[in-house]
Every structure is written in structure tokens, then in C-alpha cells.
Amino acid sequence: MQPFVIAIAGPSGSGKSLFAETLCEEVRRDAPQLGVVLIKEDAYYRDQGQIPFEDREKVNYDHPDAIEQDLLARHLRELSAGNAVESPLYDYTIHSRQSETVRIEPAAVIIVEGILLLTDAALREAFDIKFYMDTPLDICLLRRMARDLKERGRSLDSVTTQYQETVRPMYHEFIRPSVRHADMVITRGGRNRVALDVVRNMLLSVSNDEAKA
């Protein structure tokens, strides 16, 4: 069965991860016979292990060039062809990939979430449907600060400096313009119950139709 691949894009802190994770949980609950996998674009940040740590901290991680999008696109093609892939593991605290990888098996539903998914033409071709999470920037900033301080060992100064120097400029240059490639815009963040129900029911319907075929 050809998998159904969806993209959930939008700015950092917009609720993408919560939306994608909730969607995975509910599809697995409502249709346990279906295989569902979640892939995070963040795992495909380019390895910076070959440069000093001080230089790694200066990299613009909100620019499309910071992500190995061609590898992600290739992995999605492999999964769609029924082949397993070895996904990278990224350590945000040292800005480098780990030596280990994660094996991802083909599945009926493949959900991919990330800030820059819709900026790359090859990636866009890999998706059956594309969503964009539209959340006000001030809310995104507060969520990003809380995440980076708690989960990634960042200081308040580094988070605010990064936001001013790269996050906000890259949002206006790359992320926000990519909304034109979305098939649907989702507001009110990852807890938008109506949007979750619509997307979940769509995935269940599409997957069931393909299984019957």
C-alpha cells in the first residue's frame, strides 16, 4: 500500500510537535492496524562535529542550508518505496549528530513536522498534503524560550540573541513565505481540536480507502 505522507510546517513554537504527536497517538488508537510514523525535520540538521563548538554556536540554524533536506527527501522516497531508512539522531546541546541512528520502517501514514519543510521543492513533492501552523510570533517566542531553557540547556541571553539575529529574520525570509505552498492553514496551535479531528479523520479515510483498493 502506498503510504500517505503529510507535512506539518510553520514557525518554531507554533505547536507543530504537539499537533503531530497528538495526531500520531489518535490515529494509532483509532486504527491500530495502520502503521504510523513521525519524522522530525530537526533530526536532519547537518552535522557540525567537524568545527569548534564556539563556531557551531554561530551557525544560523533557522536557514534552510542548516538542514540536510536532500537526505530527508531521499528517506521519504525510500519509505514510500517500501524500504526502511536509518534516520540521524541530533544532539542540540552540542550542535552535532550522534553516532547512532534510528531505524524507521515503512508505514501506511508518515507524518513529518518541521519549520522549513515547505521551503524545499523536492520535499514538497514527497508530501500528499501540506499543513502550515499559523501562530502569532510573540507566542512562538515564549514557547521557544521555555523549550530551549528547559530542554536544550540554553541561557536566556543566547535564546533572545538568536531570536533577534536569526529566528525572526529567517521567519520573514523563508518560513512565512512558504505558507503559499500549504494546502491548509491551521490556527490556534497544537490543541486545535477541530483541526485535529479533521486531519485524523482524513488520514483514517484515505488509509482505509487504499487498503480496500
N, C-alpha and C. Protein backbone atom coordinates (compact mmCIF):
# COMPACT_ATOMS: atom_id res chain seq x y z
N MET A 1 0.84 -1.19 0.00
CA MET A 1 0.00 0.00 0.00
C MET A 1 0.87 1.24 0.00
N GLN A 2 0.58 2.16 -0.91
CA GLN A 2 1.33 3.40 -0.96
C GLN A 2 1.05 4.23 0.29
N PRO A 3 2.08 4.67 1.01
CA PRO A 3 1.84 5.43 2.23
C PRO A 3 1.28 6.82 1.93
N PHE A 4 0.61 7.37 2.91
CA PHE A 4 0.09 8.73 2.83
C PHE A 4 1.02 9.59 3.67
N VAL A 5 1.67 10.57 3.03
CA VAL A 5 2.71 11.37 3.68
C VAL A 5 2.22 12.79 3.85
N ILE A 6 2.26 13.31 5.07
CA ILE A 6 1.80 14.67 5.31
C ILE A 6 2.90 15.50 5.95
N ALA A 7 2.88 16.77 5.65
CA ALA A 7 3.82 17.73 6.23
C ALA A 7 3.09 18.65 7.19
N ILE A 8 3.70 18.91 8.34
CA ILE A 8 3.17 19.89 9.29
C ILE A 8 4.29 20.90 9.50
N ALA A 9 4.16 22.06 8.87
CA ALA A 9 5.20 23.09 8.89
C ALA A 9 4.71 24.31 9.66
N GLY A 10 5.63 25.29 9.79
CA GLY A 10 5.30 26.52 10.50
C GLY A 10 6.45 26.93 11.39
N PRO A 11 6.37 28.11 11.98
CA PRO A 11 7.47 28.63 12.80
C PRO A 11 7.73 27.80 14.05
N SER A 12 8.95 27.93 14.56
CA SER A 12 9.31 27.28 15.81
C SER A 12 8.41 27.80 16.94
N GLY A 13 7.83 26.87 17.71
CA GLY A 13 6.93 27.26 18.79
C GLY A 13 5.49 27.42 18.37
N SER A 14 5.17 27.05 17.14
CA SER A 14 3.80 27.24 16.64
C SER A 14 2.84 26.14 17.07
N GLY A 15 3.37 25.05 17.63
CA GLY A 15 2.52 23.93 18.04
C GLY A 15 2.61 22.74 17.12
N LYS A 16 3.59 22.73 16.22
CA LYS A 16 3.75 21.64 15.25
C LYS A 16 3.94 20.29 15.94
N SER A 17 4.88 20.27 16.90
CA SER A 17 5.20 18.99 17.55
C SER A 17 4.01 18.43 18.30
N LEU A 18 3.33 19.28 19.05
CA LEU A 18 2.15 18.83 19.79
C LEU A 18 1.09 18.32 18.85
N PHE A 19 0.84 19.05 17.78
CA PHE A 19 -0.18 18.64 16.81
C PHE A 19 0.19 17.30 16.19
N ALA A 20 1.45 17.15 15.76
CA ALA A 20 1.89 15.92 15.10
C ALA A 20 1.85 14.74 16.05
N GLU A 21 2.33 14.94 17.28
CA GLU A 21 2.36 13.85 18.25
C GLU A 21 0.96 13.42 18.65
N THR A 22 0.07 14.39 18.84
CA THR A 22 -1.33 14.06 19.16
C THR A 22 -1.98 13.30 18.02
N LEU A 23 -1.70 13.74 16.80
CA LEU A 23 -2.25 13.08 15.62
C LEU A 23 -1.79 11.63 15.56
N CYS A 24 -0.51 11.39 15.79
CA CYS A 24 0.02 10.03 15.78
C CYS A 24 -0.68 9.17 16.83
N GLU A 25 -0.79 9.68 18.03
CA GLU A 25 -1.40 8.92 19.11
C GLU A 25 -2.85 8.55 18.79
N GLU A 26 -3.59 9.50 18.22
CA GLU A 26 -5.01 9.25 17.99
C GLU A 26 -5.25 8.34 16.80
N VAL A 27 -4.41 8.43 15.77
CA VAL A 27 -4.55 7.51 14.64
C VAL A 27 -4.20 6.09 15.08
N ARG A 28 -3.15 5.95 15.89
CA ARG A 28 -2.79 4.63 16.41
C ARG A 28 -3.90 4.06 17.30
N ARG A 29 -4.53 4.93 18.07
CA ARG A 29 -5.61 4.49 18.96
C ARG A 29 -6.84 4.06 18.16
N ASP A 30 -7.20 4.86 17.16
CA ASP A 30 -8.44 4.61 16.42
C ASP A 30 -8.28 3.58 15.31
N ALA A 31 -7.05 3.37 14.85
CA ALA A 31 -6.82 2.40 13.78
C ALA A 31 -5.50 1.67 14.05
N PRO A 32 -5.48 0.81 15.09
CA PRO A 32 -4.23 0.14 15.46
C PRO A 32 -3.65 -0.74 14.37
N GLN A 33 -4.48 -1.09 13.37
CA GLN A 33 -3.99 -1.93 12.29
C GLN A 33 -3.12 -1.15 11.31
N LEU A 34 -3.19 0.18 11.38
CA LEU A 34 -2.39 1.02 10.50
C LEU A 34 -1.02 1.29 11.12
N GLY A 35 -0.02 1.37 10.29
CA GLY A 35 1.28 1.80 10.77
C GLY A 35 1.40 3.31 10.65
N VAL A 36 1.88 3.96 11.69
CA VAL A 36 2.05 5.42 11.68
C VAL A 36 3.44 5.73 12.21
N VAL A 37 4.19 6.57 11.48
CA VAL A 37 5.50 7.01 11.97
C VAL A 37 5.55 8.53 11.94
N LEU A 38 6.32 9.07 12.87
CA LEU A 38 6.52 10.52 12.96
C LEU A 38 8.00 10.81 12.74
N ILE A 39 8.30 11.68 11.78
CA ILE A 39 9.66 12.08 11.49
C ILE A 39 9.79 13.58 11.77
N LYS A 40 10.86 13.96 12.48
CA LYS A 40 11.07 15.36 12.79
C LYS A 40 12.22 15.91 11.95
N GLU A 41 11.94 17.01 11.26
CA GLU A 41 12.95 17.63 10.41
C GLU A 41 14.19 18.00 11.20
N ASP A 42 14.04 18.32 12.47
CA ASP A 42 15.18 18.70 13.31
C ASP A 42 16.26 17.63 13.35
N ALA A 43 15.88 16.37 13.19
CA ALA A 43 16.85 15.29 13.23
C ALA A 43 17.84 15.38 12.07
N TYR A 44 17.49 16.13 11.04
CA TYR A 44 18.30 16.21 9.83
C TYR A 44 19.17 17.47 9.77
N TYR A 45 19.34 18.13 10.91
CA TYR A 45 20.32 19.22 10.95
C TYR A 45 21.68 18.66 10.54
N ARG A 46 22.41 19.43 9.77
CA ARG A 46 23.73 18.98 9.32
C ARG A 46 24.68 18.81 10.51
N ASP A 47 25.53 17.80 10.40
CA ASP A 47 26.50 17.54 11.46
C ASP A 47 27.52 18.66 11.52
N GLN A 48 27.73 19.22 12.69
CA GLN A 48 28.70 20.30 12.89
C GLN A 48 29.91 19.83 13.69
N GLY A 49 30.05 18.52 13.83
CA GLY A 49 31.10 17.99 14.68
C GLY A 49 32.51 18.28 14.21
N GLN A 50 32.66 18.67 12.95
CA GLN A 50 33.99 18.92 12.40
C GLN A 50 34.50 20.32 12.69
N ILE A 51 33.69 21.16 13.32
CA ILE A 51 34.13 22.53 13.61
C ILE A 51 34.09 22.77 15.12
N PRO A 52 34.90 23.73 15.62
CA PRO A 52 34.92 24.01 17.06
C PRO A 52 33.53 24.38 17.58
N PHE A 53 33.29 24.08 18.86
CA PHE A 53 31.99 24.33 19.45
C PHE A 53 31.59 25.80 19.38
N GLU A 54 32.57 26.69 19.57
CA GLU A 54 32.28 28.12 19.51
C GLU A 54 31.73 28.52 18.14
N ASP A 55 32.25 27.88 17.09
CA ASP A 55 31.77 28.17 15.74
C ASP A 55 30.40 27.54 15.49
N ARG A 56 30.16 26.40 16.11
CA ARG A 56 28.85 25.76 15.95
C ARG A 56 27.74 26.66 16.48
N GLU A 57 28.05 27.38 17.57
CA GLU A 57 27.04 28.25 18.17
C GLU A 57 26.69 29.44 17.28
N LYS A 58 27.55 29.73 16.31
CA LYS A 58 27.32 30.86 15.42
C LYS A 58 26.55 30.49 14.16
N VAL A 59 26.31 29.20 13.94
CA VAL A 59 25.61 28.74 12.74
C VAL A 59 24.16 29.20 12.78
N ASN A 60 23.64 29.61 11.64
CA ASN A 60 22.24 30.01 11.53
C ASN A 60 21.38 28.76 11.33
N TYR A 61 20.82 28.26 12.42
CA TYR A 61 20.07 27.01 12.37
C TYR A 61 18.63 27.20 11.88
N ASP A 62 18.26 28.43 11.56
CA ASP A 62 16.92 28.68 11.02
C ASP A 62 16.94 28.92 9.52
N HIS A 63 18.12 28.75 8.91
CA HIS A 63 18.26 28.88 7.46
C HIS A 63 18.12 27.50 6.82
N PRO A 64 17.48 27.39 5.66
CA PRO A 64 17.33 26.07 5.01
C PRO A 64 18.63 25.32 4.83
N ASP A 65 19.75 26.02 4.65
CA ASP A 65 21.03 25.36 4.43
C ASP A 65 21.51 24.59 5.66
N ALA A 66 20.94 24.87 6.82
CA ALA A 66 21.36 24.18 8.05
C ALA A 66 20.82 22.77 8.13
N ILE A 67 19.85 22.44 7.28
CA ILE A 67 19.20 21.13 7.31
C ILE A 67 19.53 20.36 6.04
N GLU A 68 19.82 19.08 6.20
CA GLU A 68 20.12 18.23 5.05
C GLU A 68 18.80 17.77 4.43
N GLN A 69 18.16 18.69 3.74
CA GLN A 69 16.83 18.42 3.21
C GLN A 69 16.84 17.38 2.10
N ASP A 70 17.95 17.30 1.35
CA ASP A 70 18.02 16.28 0.31
C ASP A 70 18.03 14.88 0.90
N LEU A 71 18.66 14.71 2.06
CA LEU A 71 18.65 13.41 2.73
C LEU A 71 17.24 13.07 3.22
N LEU A 72 16.55 14.04 3.80
CA LEU A 72 15.19 13.81 4.26
C LEU A 72 14.29 13.45 3.08
N ALA A 73 14.41 14.16 1.97
CA ALA A 73 13.61 13.86 0.78
C ALA A 73 13.91 12.45 0.28
N ARG A 74 15.19 12.06 0.29
CA ARG A 74 15.56 10.72 -0.15
C ARG A 74 14.98 9.66 0.78
N HIS A 75 15.01 9.91 2.08
CA HIS A 75 14.43 8.96 3.03
C HIS A 75 12.93 8.81 2.83
N LEU A 76 12.25 9.89 2.53
CA LEU A 76 10.80 9.80 2.29
C LEU A 76 10.50 9.01 1.03
N ARG A 77 11.34 9.16 0.01
CA ARG A 77 11.16 8.37 -1.21
C ARG A 77 11.40 6.89 -0.92
N GLU A 78 12.41 6.60 -0.12
CA GLU A 78 12.70 5.21 0.23
C GLU A 78 11.55 4.59 1.01
N LEU A 79 11.02 5.32 1.97
CA LEU A 79 9.90 4.82 2.76
C LEU A 79 8.67 4.59 1.88
N SER A 80 8.45 5.50 0.95
CA SER A 80 7.31 5.35 0.04
C SER A 80 7.46 4.15 -0.87
N ALA A 81 8.72 3.77 -1.12
CA ALA A 81 9.00 2.60 -1.96
C ALA A 81 8.99 1.30 -1.15
N GLY A 82 8.74 1.43 0.16
CA GLY A 82 8.66 0.24 1.00
C GLY A 82 9.96 -0.18 1.65
N ASN A 83 10.94 0.72 1.67
CA ASN A 83 12.25 0.41 2.24
C ASN A 83 12.45 1.14 3.56
N ALA A 84 13.07 0.48 4.53
CA ALA A 84 13.40 1.12 5.80
C ALA A 84 14.58 2.07 5.62
N VAL A 85 14.69 3.06 6.50
CA VAL A 85 15.79 4.03 6.44
C VAL A 85 16.41 4.18 7.82
N GLU A 86 17.65 4.70 7.84
CA GLU A 86 18.33 4.99 9.08
C GLU A 86 18.34 6.51 9.27
N SER A 87 17.49 7.00 10.16
CA SER A 87 17.37 8.44 10.40
C SER A 87 18.44 8.91 11.37
N PRO A 88 19.00 10.10 11.14
CA PRO A 88 20.01 10.63 12.07
C PRO A 88 19.42 10.93 13.44
N LEU A 89 20.31 11.01 14.41
CA LEU A 89 19.97 11.48 15.75
C LEU A 89 20.80 12.73 16.01
N TYR A 90 20.13 13.80 16.43
CA TYR A 90 20.83 15.08 16.59
C TYR A 90 20.84 15.49 18.06
N ASP A 91 22.00 15.95 18.52
CA ASP A 91 22.15 16.42 19.90
C ASP A 91 22.20 17.95 19.88
N TYR A 92 21.14 18.59 20.34
CA TYR A 92 21.05 20.05 20.28
C TYR A 92 22.03 20.73 21.23
N THR A 93 22.42 20.04 22.29
CA THR A 93 23.29 20.68 23.28
C THR A 93 24.71 20.87 22.76
N ILE A 94 25.12 20.04 21.78
CA ILE A 94 26.47 20.17 21.22
C ILE A 94 26.43 20.50 19.73
N HIS A 95 25.22 20.70 19.18
CA HIS A 95 25.05 21.06 17.77
C HIS A 95 25.74 20.05 16.85
N SER A 96 25.48 18.79 17.08
CA SER A 96 26.12 17.76 16.27
C SER A 96 25.27 16.49 16.27
N ARG A 97 25.45 15.68 15.24
CA ARG A 97 24.75 14.40 15.20
C ARG A 97 25.43 13.39 16.10
N GLN A 98 24.62 12.48 16.61
CA GLN A 98 25.15 11.37 17.37
C GLN A 98 25.65 10.29 16.40
N SER A 99 26.47 9.40 16.91
CA SER A 99 26.98 8.33 16.05
C SER A 99 25.90 7.30 15.74
N GLU A 100 24.90 7.17 16.63
CA GLU A 100 23.82 6.23 16.42
C GLU A 100 22.77 6.79 15.45
N THR A 101 21.99 5.90 14.87
CA THR A 101 20.86 6.29 14.02
C THR A 101 19.61 5.58 14.53
N VAL A 102 18.47 5.98 14.00
CA VAL A 102 17.20 5.33 14.35
C VAL A 102 16.61 4.70 13.09
N ARG A 103 16.30 3.43 13.16
CA ARG A 103 15.72 2.74 12.02
C ARG A 103 14.23 3.06 11.93
N ILE A 104 13.80 3.52 10.78
CA ILE A 104 12.38 3.83 10.55
C ILE A 104 11.86 2.87 9.50
N GLU A 105 10.83 2.15 9.86
CA GLU A 105 10.22 1.18 8.94
C GLU A 105 9.11 1.84 8.13
N PRO A 106 8.83 1.33 6.94
CA PRO A 106 7.72 1.87 6.13
C PRO A 106 6.40 1.77 6.89
N ALA A 107 5.51 2.69 6.63
CA ALA A 107 4.22 2.72 7.33
C ALA A 107 3.15 3.27 6.40
N ALA A 108 1.90 3.01 6.76
CA ALA A 108 0.78 3.49 5.94
C ALA A 108 0.63 5.00 6.03
N VAL A 109 0.97 5.56 7.19
CA VAL A 109 0.87 7.01 7.40
C VAL A 109 2.23 7.52 7.89
N ILE A 110 2.77 8.50 7.18
CA ILE A 110 4.03 9.11 7.56
C ILE A 110 3.79 10.59 7.81
N ILE A 111 4.05 11.02 9.04
CA ILE A 111 3.85 12.42 9.43
C ILE A 111 5.22 13.06 9.63
N VAL A 112 5.44 14.18 8.96
CA VAL A 112 6.72 14.88 9.07
C VAL A 112 6.45 16.29 9.57
N GLU A 113 7.19 16.72 10.59
CA GLU A 113 7.00 18.07 11.10
C GLU A 113 8.33 18.82 11.15
N GLY A 114 8.27 20.13 10.81
CA GLY A 114 9.48 20.93 10.82
C GLY A 114 9.22 22.34 10.31
N ILE A 115 10.12 23.26 10.64
CA ILE A 115 9.90 24.66 10.31
C ILE A 115 10.10 24.98 8.83
N LEU A 116 10.94 24.19 8.14
CA LEU A 116 11.34 24.55 6.78
C LEU A 116 10.89 23.55 5.73
N LEU A 117 9.96 22.69 6.06
CA LEU A 117 9.53 21.64 5.14
C LEU A 117 9.02 22.16 3.81
N LEU A 118 8.34 23.30 3.84
CA LEU A 118 7.69 23.79 2.63
C LEU A 118 8.59 24.72 1.82
N THR A 119 9.84 24.92 2.26
CA THR A 119 10.76 25.79 1.53
C THR A 119 11.52 25.04 0.45
N ASP A 120 11.46 23.72 0.45
CA ASP A 120 12.26 22.90 -0.47
C ASP A 120 11.35 22.19 -1.47
N ALA A 121 11.62 22.39 -2.76
CA ALA A 121 10.75 21.83 -3.80
C ALA A 121 10.73 20.31 -3.78
N ALA A 122 11.89 19.68 -3.58
CA ALA A 122 11.95 18.22 -3.56
C ALA A 122 11.16 17.64 -2.40
N LEU A 123 11.23 18.31 -1.26
CA LEU A 123 10.45 17.86 -0.11
C LEU A 123 8.95 18.02 -0.37
N ARG A 124 8.58 19.14 -0.94
CA ARG A 124 7.15 19.37 -1.21
C ARG A 124 6.57 18.28 -2.10
N GLU A 125 7.36 17.80 -3.04
CA GLU A 125 6.88 16.75 -3.94
C GLU A 125 6.65 15.43 -3.20
N ALA A 126 7.30 15.26 -2.06
CA ALA A 126 7.18 14.00 -1.31
C ALA A 126 5.90 13.92 -0.50
N PHE A 127 5.20 15.05 -0.33
CA PHE A 127 4.03 15.09 0.55
C PHE A 127 2.73 14.97 -0.25
N ASP A 128 1.80 14.23 0.31
CA ASP A 128 0.46 14.14 -0.28
C ASP A 128 -0.39 15.34 0.12
N ILE A 129 -0.14 15.87 1.30
CA ILE A 129 -0.86 17.06 1.74
C ILE A 129 0.04 17.83 2.70
N LYS A 130 -0.08 19.15 2.67
CA LYS A 130 0.83 20.01 3.43
C LYS A 130 0.02 20.98 4.30
N PHE A 131 0.38 21.03 5.58
CA PHE A 131 -0.28 21.92 6.53
C PHE A 131 0.72 22.95 7.05
N TYR A 132 0.21 24.11 7.38
CA TYR A 132 1.04 25.18 7.95
C TYR A 132 0.38 25.66 9.23
N MET A 133 1.15 25.62 10.33
CA MET A 133 0.65 26.07 11.62
C MET A 133 0.88 27.57 11.74
N ASP A 134 -0.17 28.34 11.81
CA ASP A 134 -0.08 29.80 11.83
C ASP A 134 -0.36 30.30 13.25
N THR A 135 0.72 30.63 13.97
CA THR A 135 0.64 31.07 15.35
C THR A 135 1.37 32.40 15.49
N PRO A 136 0.82 33.38 16.22
CA PRO A 136 1.49 34.67 16.39
C PRO A 136 2.92 34.53 16.89
N LEU A 137 3.81 35.39 16.38
CA LEU A 137 5.22 35.28 16.71
C LEU A 137 5.53 35.46 18.19
N ASP A 138 4.77 36.31 18.88
CA ASP A 138 5.06 36.51 20.30
C ASP A 138 4.81 35.24 21.10
N ILE A 139 3.78 34.51 20.73
CA ILE A 139 3.51 33.23 21.39
C ILE A 139 4.59 32.22 21.05
N CYS A 140 5.01 32.20 19.78
CA CYS A 140 6.08 31.29 19.36
C CYS A 140 7.36 31.56 20.15
N LEU A 141 7.68 32.84 20.36
CA LEU A 141 8.89 33.19 21.09
C LEU A 141 8.85 32.67 22.52
N LEU A 142 7.73 32.88 23.21
CA LEU A 142 7.61 32.42 24.58
C LEU A 142 7.76 30.90 24.67
N ARG A 143 7.14 30.19 23.73
CA ARG A 143 7.24 28.73 23.74
C ARG A 143 8.66 28.27 23.44
N ARG A 144 9.31 28.94 22.48
CA ARG A 144 10.68 28.57 22.12
C ARG A 144 11.63 28.83 23.29
N MET A 145 11.45 29.93 23.96
CA MET A 145 12.30 30.24 25.11
C MET A 145 12.15 29.18 26.19
N ALA A 146 10.93 28.81 26.49
CA ALA A 146 10.69 27.80 27.52
C ALA A 146 11.32 26.47 27.14
N ARG A 147 11.19 26.08 25.87
CA ARG A 147 11.77 24.82 25.41
C ARG A 147 13.29 24.83 25.48
N ASP A 148 13.90 25.89 24.93
CA ASP A 148 15.36 25.94 24.87
C ASP A 148 16.00 26.03 26.25
N LEU A 149 15.37 26.76 27.16
CA LEU A 149 15.90 26.87 28.51
C LEU A 149 15.80 25.55 29.26
N LYS A 150 14.69 24.85 29.08
CA LYS A 150 14.44 23.63 29.84
C LYS A 150 15.07 22.40 29.20
N GLU A 151 14.93 22.26 27.87
CA GLU A 151 15.30 21.02 27.21
C GLU A 151 16.67 21.06 26.54
N ARG A 152 17.15 22.24 26.21
CA ARG A 152 18.39 22.30 25.42
C ARG A 152 19.53 23.03 26.13
N GLY A 153 19.35 23.31 27.40
CA GLY A 153 20.42 23.86 28.20
C GLY A 153 20.91 25.22 27.78
N ARG A 154 20.03 26.03 27.18
CA ARG A 154 20.42 27.34 26.68
C ARG A 154 20.25 28.40 27.76
N SER A 155 20.97 29.51 27.61
CA SER A 155 20.79 30.64 28.52
C SER A 155 19.75 31.59 27.93
N LEU A 156 19.18 32.44 28.79
CA LEU A 156 18.18 33.40 28.32
C LEU A 156 18.79 34.36 27.30
N ASP A 157 20.03 34.80 27.55
CA ASP A 157 20.69 35.72 26.63
C ASP A 157 20.89 35.09 25.25
N SER A 158 21.31 33.84 25.22
CA SER A 158 21.55 33.19 23.93
C SER A 158 20.26 32.99 23.15
N VAL A 159 19.19 32.68 23.86
CA VAL A 159 17.89 32.46 23.19
C VAL A 159 17.38 33.77 22.59
N THR A 160 17.44 34.85 23.37
CA THR A 160 16.93 36.14 22.87
C THR A 160 17.80 36.69 21.75
N THR A 161 19.12 36.50 21.87
CA THR A 161 20.02 36.96 20.80
C THR A 161 19.76 36.20 19.51
N GLN A 162 19.62 34.88 19.62
CA GLN A 162 19.34 34.07 18.44
C GLN A 162 18.02 34.48 17.80
N TYR A 163 17.03 34.76 18.65
CA TYR A 163 15.72 35.16 18.11
C TYR A 163 15.84 36.45 17.30
N GLN A 164 16.57 37.41 17.83
CA GLN A 164 16.70 38.70 17.15
C GLN A 164 17.54 38.61 15.87
N GLU A 165 18.61 37.78 15.93
CA GLU A 165 19.56 37.76 14.82
C GLU A 165 19.21 36.77 13.71
N THR A 166 18.55 35.66 14.05
CA THR A 166 18.27 34.65 13.02
C THR A 166 16.82 34.19 12.98
N VAL A 167 16.23 33.90 14.14
CA VAL A 167 14.89 33.31 14.14
C VAL A 167 13.87 34.22 13.47
N ARG A 168 13.77 35.44 13.93
CA ARG A 168 12.79 36.36 13.35
C ARG A 168 13.10 36.70 11.88
N PRO A 169 14.37 37.04 11.54
CA PRO A 169 14.66 37.32 10.13
C PRO A 169 14.38 36.14 9.20
N MET A 170 14.74 34.92 9.64
CA MET A 170 14.51 33.74 8.79
C MET A 170 13.03 33.41 8.67
N TYR A 171 12.27 33.73 9.72
CA TYR A 171 10.82 33.56 9.64
C TYR A 171 10.26 34.40 8.51
N HIS A 172 10.67 35.67 8.45
CA HIS A 172 10.13 36.56 7.42
C HIS A 172 10.69 36.25 6.03
N GLU A 173 11.93 35.73 5.97
CA GLU A 173 12.53 35.47 4.66
C GLU A 173 12.12 34.12 4.08
N PHE A 174 11.98 33.10 4.93
CA PHE A 174 11.75 31.75 4.41
C PHE A 174 10.47 31.09 4.90
N ILE A 175 10.24 31.14 6.21
CA ILE A 175 9.15 30.32 6.77
C ILE A 175 7.78 30.88 6.43
N ARG A 176 7.56 32.15 6.74
CA ARG A 176 6.25 32.73 6.44
C ARG A 176 5.91 32.69 4.95
N PRO A 177 6.84 33.01 4.04
CA PRO A 177 6.51 32.93 2.61
C PRO A 177 6.14 31.51 2.15
N SER A 178 6.62 30.49 2.88
CA SER A 178 6.34 29.12 2.45
C SER A 178 4.88 28.73 2.67
N VAL A 179 4.11 29.57 3.36
CA VAL A 179 2.70 29.26 3.58
C VAL A 179 1.94 29.15 2.27
N ARG A 180 2.45 29.77 1.22
CA ARG A 180 1.75 29.71 -0.07
C ARG A 180 1.74 28.30 -0.65
N HIS A 181 2.62 27.44 -0.14
CA HIS A 181 2.67 26.06 -0.63
C HIS A 181 1.77 25.13 0.18
N ALA A 182 1.17 25.63 1.25
CA ALA A 182 0.34 24.79 2.11
C ALA A 182 -1.02 24.54 1.48
N ASP A 183 -1.54 23.36 1.73
CA ASP A 183 -2.91 23.04 1.30
C ASP A 183 -3.93 23.50 2.32
N MET A 184 -3.49 23.62 3.56
CA MET A 184 -4.40 24.06 4.62
C MET A 184 -3.61 24.78 5.71
N VAL A 185 -4.15 25.88 6.21
CA VAL A 185 -3.53 26.63 7.31
C VAL A 185 -4.29 26.33 8.59
N ILE A 186 -3.56 26.00 9.64
CA ILE A 186 -4.16 25.67 10.93
C ILE A 186 -3.82 26.76 11.94
N THR A 187 -4.82 27.33 12.55
CA THR A 187 -4.62 28.36 13.56
C THR A 187 -4.85 27.77 14.96
N ARG A 188 -4.57 28.57 15.97
CA ARG A 188 -4.83 28.23 17.37
C ARG A 188 -3.95 27.10 17.90
N GLY A 189 -2.83 26.82 17.23
CA GLY A 189 -1.82 25.94 17.79
C GLY A 189 -2.15 24.46 17.78
N GLY A 190 -1.31 23.71 18.52
CA GLY A 190 -1.40 22.25 18.51
C GLY A 190 -2.59 21.67 19.22
N ARG A 191 -3.33 22.49 19.96
CA ARG A 191 -4.52 22.00 20.66
C ARG A 191 -5.82 22.34 19.93
N ASN A 192 -5.71 22.67 18.66
CA ASN A 192 -6.90 22.98 17.87
C ASN A 192 -7.67 21.68 17.64
N ARG A 193 -8.69 21.45 18.48
CA ARG A 193 -9.41 20.18 18.47
C ARG A 193 -10.13 19.93 17.15
N VAL A 194 -10.70 20.97 16.57
CA VAL A 194 -11.42 20.80 15.31
C VAL A 194 -10.45 20.38 14.20
N ALA A 195 -9.29 21.06 14.13
CA ALA A 195 -8.31 20.72 13.11
C ALA A 195 -7.77 19.30 13.30
N LEU A 196 -7.52 18.91 14.54
CA LEU A 196 -7.05 17.56 14.81
C LEU A 196 -8.06 16.52 14.34
N ASP A 197 -9.33 16.77 14.62
CA ASP A 197 -10.36 15.82 14.20
C ASP A 197 -10.45 15.74 12.68
N VAL A 198 -10.36 16.88 12.02
CA VAL A 198 -10.44 16.89 10.55
C VAL A 198 -9.29 16.11 9.94
N VAL A 199 -8.07 16.38 10.40
CA VAL A 199 -6.90 15.71 9.82
C VAL A 199 -6.89 14.23 10.17
N ARG A 200 -7.23 13.88 11.41
CA ARG A 200 -7.27 12.47 11.81
C ARG A 200 -8.27 11.70 10.97
N ASN A 201 -9.47 12.24 10.83
CA ASN A 201 -10.50 11.55 10.05
C ASN A 201 -10.09 11.43 8.58
N MET A 202 -9.40 12.44 8.07
CA MET A 202 -8.92 12.37 6.69
C MET A 202 -7.91 11.24 6.53
N LEU A 203 -6.98 11.13 7.47
CA LEU A 203 -5.97 10.07 7.38
C LEU A 203 -6.61 8.69 7.49
N LEU A 204 -7.54 8.55 8.40
CA LEU A 204 -8.22 7.26 8.55
C LEU A 204 -8.99 6.91 7.29
N SER A 205 -9.66 7.88 6.70
CA SER A 205 -10.44 7.65 5.49
C SER A 205 -9.56 7.29 4.32
N VAL A 206 -8.49 8.05 4.11
CA VAL A 206 -7.58 7.77 2.99
C VAL A 206 -6.93 6.41 3.14
N SER A 207 -6.46 6.11 4.34
CA SER A 207 -5.80 4.83 4.57
C SER A 207 -6.74 3.68 4.37
N ASN A 208 -7.99 3.81 4.85
CA ASN A 208 -8.97 2.74 4.66
C ASN A 208 -9.31 2.54 3.19
N ASP A 209 -9.42 3.63 2.44
CA ASP A 209 -9.72 3.52 1.02
C ASP A 209 -8.59 2.81 0.27
N GLU A 210 -7.34 3.12 0.62
CA GLU A 210 -6.22 2.50 -0.05
C GLU A 210 -6.13 1.02 0.32
N ALA A 211 -6.47 0.71 1.58
CA ALA A 211 -6.42 -0.69 2.00
C ALA A 211 -7.46 -1.52 1.23
N LYS A 212 -8.64 -0.94 1.01
CA LYS A 212 -9.68 -1.65 0.25
C LYS A 212 -9.27 -1.85 -1.20
N ALA A 213 -8.56 -0.82 -1.74
CA ALA A 213 -8.12 -0.92 -3.14
C ALA A 213 -7.07 -2.02 -3.31
